[in-house]
Amino acid sequence: MKIVKMLVLVGLMGSSVAAMAEGGGDIVAARMDAARDHAMAHYEQQQQERAVASAHQQAQQQTQAPAEKAGS
């Protein structure tokens, strides 16, 4: 009888752990997706800022180049 109770207890404990692990995996996956989305949005914003800065720098160089030729 003690063996049966022990097996039932082990079975119940094992099933509860499996149930928690299943739900926990979903939470972790959702957090990873949210973190990836946040990182990608930050990366896209940095790339856009770099493109704007690069275009601004090129525009400044183009406006300075004709002025230097005219002064020569």
Protein backbone atom coordinates (compact mmCIF):
# COMPACT_ATOMS: atom_id res chain seq x y z
CA MET A 1 0.00 0.00 0.00
CA LYS A 2 2.85 2.39 0.79
CA ILE A 3 4.36 1.75 -2.63
CA VAL A 4 1.07 2.65 -4.34
CA LYS A 5 0.81 5.90 -2.37
CA MET A 6 4.41 6.75 -3.23
CA LEU A 7 3.80 6.10 -6.94
CA VAL A 8 0.64 8.22 -6.88
CA LEU A 9 2.51 11.04 -5.14
CA VAL A 10 5.37 10.89 -7.65
CA GLY A 11 2.88 10.83 -10.54
CA LEU A 12 1.00 13.87 -9.24
CA MET A 13 4.21 15.81 -8.59
CA GLY A 14 5.51 14.96 -12.04
CA SER A 15 2.32 16.03 -13.77
CA SER A 16 2.22 19.36 -11.92
CA VAL A 17 5.83 20.09 -12.89
CA ALA A 18 5.05 19.29 -16.52
CA ALA A 19 2.02 21.61 -16.45
CA MET A 20 4.07 24.47 -14.99
CA ALA A 21 6.88 23.93 -17.46
CA GLU A 22 4.49 24.09 -20.40
CA GLY A 23 2.97 27.41 -19.35
CA GLY A 24 6.37 28.81 -18.38
CA GLY A 25 7.72 28.17 -21.85
CA ASP A 26 4.95 30.24 -23.38
CA ILE A 27 5.77 33.15 -21.07
CA VAL A 28 9.47 32.97 -21.89
CA ALA A 29 8.76 32.86 -25.62
CA ALA A 30 6.47 35.89 -25.33
CA ARG A 31 9.16 37.81 -23.44
CA MET A 32 11.76 36.89 -26.07
CA ASP A 33 9.46 38.08 -28.85
CA ALA A 34 8.82 41.37 -27.05
CA ALA A 35 12.54 41.91 -26.43
CA ARG A 36 13.35 41.14 -30.08
CA ASP A 37 10.68 43.56 -31.31
CA HIS A 38 12.01 46.28 -29.01
CA ALA A 39 15.60 45.68 -30.14
CA MET A 40 14.63 45.76 -33.82
CA ALA A 41 12.72 49.02 -33.38
CA HIS A 42 15.75 50.55 -31.65
CA TYR A 43 18.06 49.29 -34.41
CA GLU A 44 15.83 50.71 -37.16
CA GLN A 45 15.72 54.06 -35.39
CA GLN A 46 19.53 54.16 -35.16
CA GLN A 47 19.88 53.27 -38.83
CA GLN A 48 17.46 56.04 -39.79
CA GLU A 49 19.35 58.57 -37.65
CA ARG A 50 22.64 57.52 -39.25
CA ALA A 51 21.16 57.90 -42.73
CA VAL A 52 19.88 61.39 -41.91
CA ALA A 53 23.25 62.40 -40.43
CA SER A 54 25.07 61.02 -43.46
CA ALA A 55 22.80 62.89 -45.87
CA HIS A 56 23.25 66.09 -43.86
CA GLN A 57 27.03 65.68 -43.92
CA GLN A 58 27.04 65.06 -47.69
CA ALA A 59 24.89 68.15 -48.24
CA GLN A 60 27.33 70.26 -46.23
CA GLN A 61 30.28 68.93 -48.20
CA GLN A 62 28.55 69.68 -51.51
CA THR A 63 27.75 73.26 -50.49
CA GLN A 64 31.33 73.86 -49.27
CA ALA A 65 33.01 72.45 -52.39
CA PRO A 66 31.64 75.10 -54.86
CA ALA A 67 32.47 77.89 -52.42
CA GLU A 68 36.08 76.71 -52.21
CA LYS A 69 36.38 76.61 -56.03
CA ALA A 70 34.97 80.10 -56.37
CA GLY A 71 37.46 81.47 -53.82
CA SER A 72 40.48 80.04 -55.69
